Protein backbone atom coordinates (compact mmCIF):
# COMPACT_ATOMS: atom_id res chain seq x y z
CA MET A 1 159.22 154.06 7.46
CA ASN A 2 158.94 157.52 5.88
CA ASP A 3 155.66 159.42 5.69
CA ASP A 4 154.91 158.66 2.03
CA ASN A 5 155.43 154.95 2.55
CA LYS A 6 153.36 154.96 5.77
CA ALA A 7 150.40 156.41 3.90
CA LEU A 8 150.68 153.82 1.13
CA PHE A 9 151.15 151.01 3.66
CA ILE A 10 147.99 152.07 5.52
CA PHE A 11 146.08 152.42 2.23
CA GLY A 12 147.18 148.93 1.17
CA PHE A 13 146.35 147.55 4.62
CA VAL A 14 142.82 148.98 4.53
CA PHE A 15 142.02 147.59 1.10
CA TYR A 16 143.97 144.34 1.09
CA PHE A 17 143.62 143.31 4.71
CA ILE A 18 140.30 144.73 5.85
CA GLY A 19 138.47 144.84 2.50
CA ASP A 20 139.52 141.43 1.29
CA LEU A 21 139.03 139.86 4.69
CA THR A 22 135.54 141.31 5.03
CA THR A 23 134.33 140.37 1.57
CA THR A 24 135.86 136.88 1.76
CA TYR A 25 134.24 136.31 5.15
CA ILE A 26 130.85 137.47 3.85
CA GLY A 27 131.25 135.20 0.83
CA LEU A 28 132.19 132.17 2.93
CA ASN A 29 129.20 132.75 5.20
CA ASN A 30 126.90 132.87 2.16
CA GLY A 31 128.14 129.63 0.63
CA VAL A 32 130.64 131.07 -1.86
CA THR A 33 133.61 128.73 -2.16
CA GLU A 34 137.13 130.11 -1.79
CA LYS A 35 139.23 129.34 -4.85
CA GLY A 36 142.50 130.98 -3.87
CA PHE A 37 145.41 129.79 -1.77
CA ILE A 38 143.23 129.55 1.33
CA SER A 39 141.29 126.71 -0.33
CA VAL A 40 144.31 124.50 0.46
CA ILE A 41 143.08 124.62 4.05
CA GLU A 42 140.18 122.18 4.30
CA SER A 43 137.69 124.41 6.09
CA PRO A 44 138.91 128.02 6.14
CA ASP A 45 137.49 130.30 8.77
CA ILE A 46 138.14 133.88 9.79
CA ALA A 47 141.11 132.97 12.02
CA ASP A 48 142.94 131.25 9.14
CA MET A 49 142.45 134.28 6.91
CA VAL A 50 143.60 136.73 9.57
CA ILE A 51 146.75 134.71 10.27
CA MET A 52 147.67 134.46 6.58
CA LYS A 53 147.12 138.16 5.95
CA MET A 54 149.05 139.15 9.09
CA ILE A 55 152.03 137.08 7.96
CA PHE A 56 151.85 138.77 4.56
CA PHE A 57 151.75 142.28 6.01
CA ILE A 58 154.53 141.65 8.51
CA ALA A 59 156.72 140.35 5.66
CA LEU A 60 155.73 143.37 3.54
CA TYR A 61 156.67 145.74 6.36
CA PHE A 62 160.12 144.19 6.71
CA LEU A 63 160.62 144.25 2.93
CA ILE A 64 159.84 147.98 2.84
CA MET A 65 162.17 148.64 5.78
CA PHE A 66 164.91 146.65 4.00
CA LEU A 67 164.45 148.63 0.79
CA GLU A 68 164.38 151.98 2.63
CA LYS A 69 167.67 151.28 4.41
CA ARG A 70 169.32 150.77 1.03
CA ASP A 71 167.78 153.97 -0.46
CA ASN A 72 165.89 151.87 -2.95
CA HIS A 73 163.01 153.75 -4.54
CA LEU A 74 160.91 150.66 -5.21
CA CYS A 75 159.08 151.04 -1.89
CA GLY A 76 156.29 153.14 -3.38
CA ALA A 77 155.93 150.81 -6.35
CA VAL A 78 155.67 147.72 -4.14
CA LEU A 79 153.17 149.37 -1.80
CA GLY A 80 151.20 150.75 -4.75
CA LEU A 81 150.96 147.27 -6.24
CA VAL A 82 149.71 145.85 -2.93
CA ALA A 83 147.14 148.65 -2.59
CA GLY A 84 146.00 148.16 -6.19
CA MET A 85 145.77 144.40 -5.74
CA GLY A 86 143.78 144.93 -2.55
CA MET A 87 141.32 147.28 -4.27
CA THR A 88 140.90 144.84 -7.15
CA ILE A 89 140.34 141.84 -4.88
CA THR A 90 137.90 143.76 -2.69
CA TRP A 91 135.83 144.93 -5.67
CA LEU A 92 135.87 141.52 -7.36
CA ASN A 93 134.83 139.77 -4.15
CA GLY A 94 132.08 142.34 -3.62
CA LEU A 95 130.77 141.96 -7.18
CA THR A 96 130.85 138.17 -6.93
CA ILE A 97 128.90 138.27 -3.68
CA LEU A 98 126.33 140.62 -5.23
CA GLU A 99 125.91 138.30 -8.25
CA ILE A 100 125.44 135.22 -6.10
CA LEU A 101 123.05 136.89 -3.64
CA LYS A 102 120.69 138.08 -6.40
């Protein structure tokens, strides 16, 4: 993975993996119900969330490596979308938790 894509991958990882995981865990511990894909699992806990996000990031890593080998310039766009989605989810989860805890 080249340096530009490494930086974006780390940025996306921090916001999507750590930020979303943290805010979702805080929400679940404070009685906020999970309405996303993880709600398919009957009683989600931190291990379920970590496993799902690890699978996502491993697949994302291999996708970026696949695109780089073919000199495809979509790598930055894909990683930027993941980072943007992660920031959005983190902020929305945080705002929801703040509203409910008032």
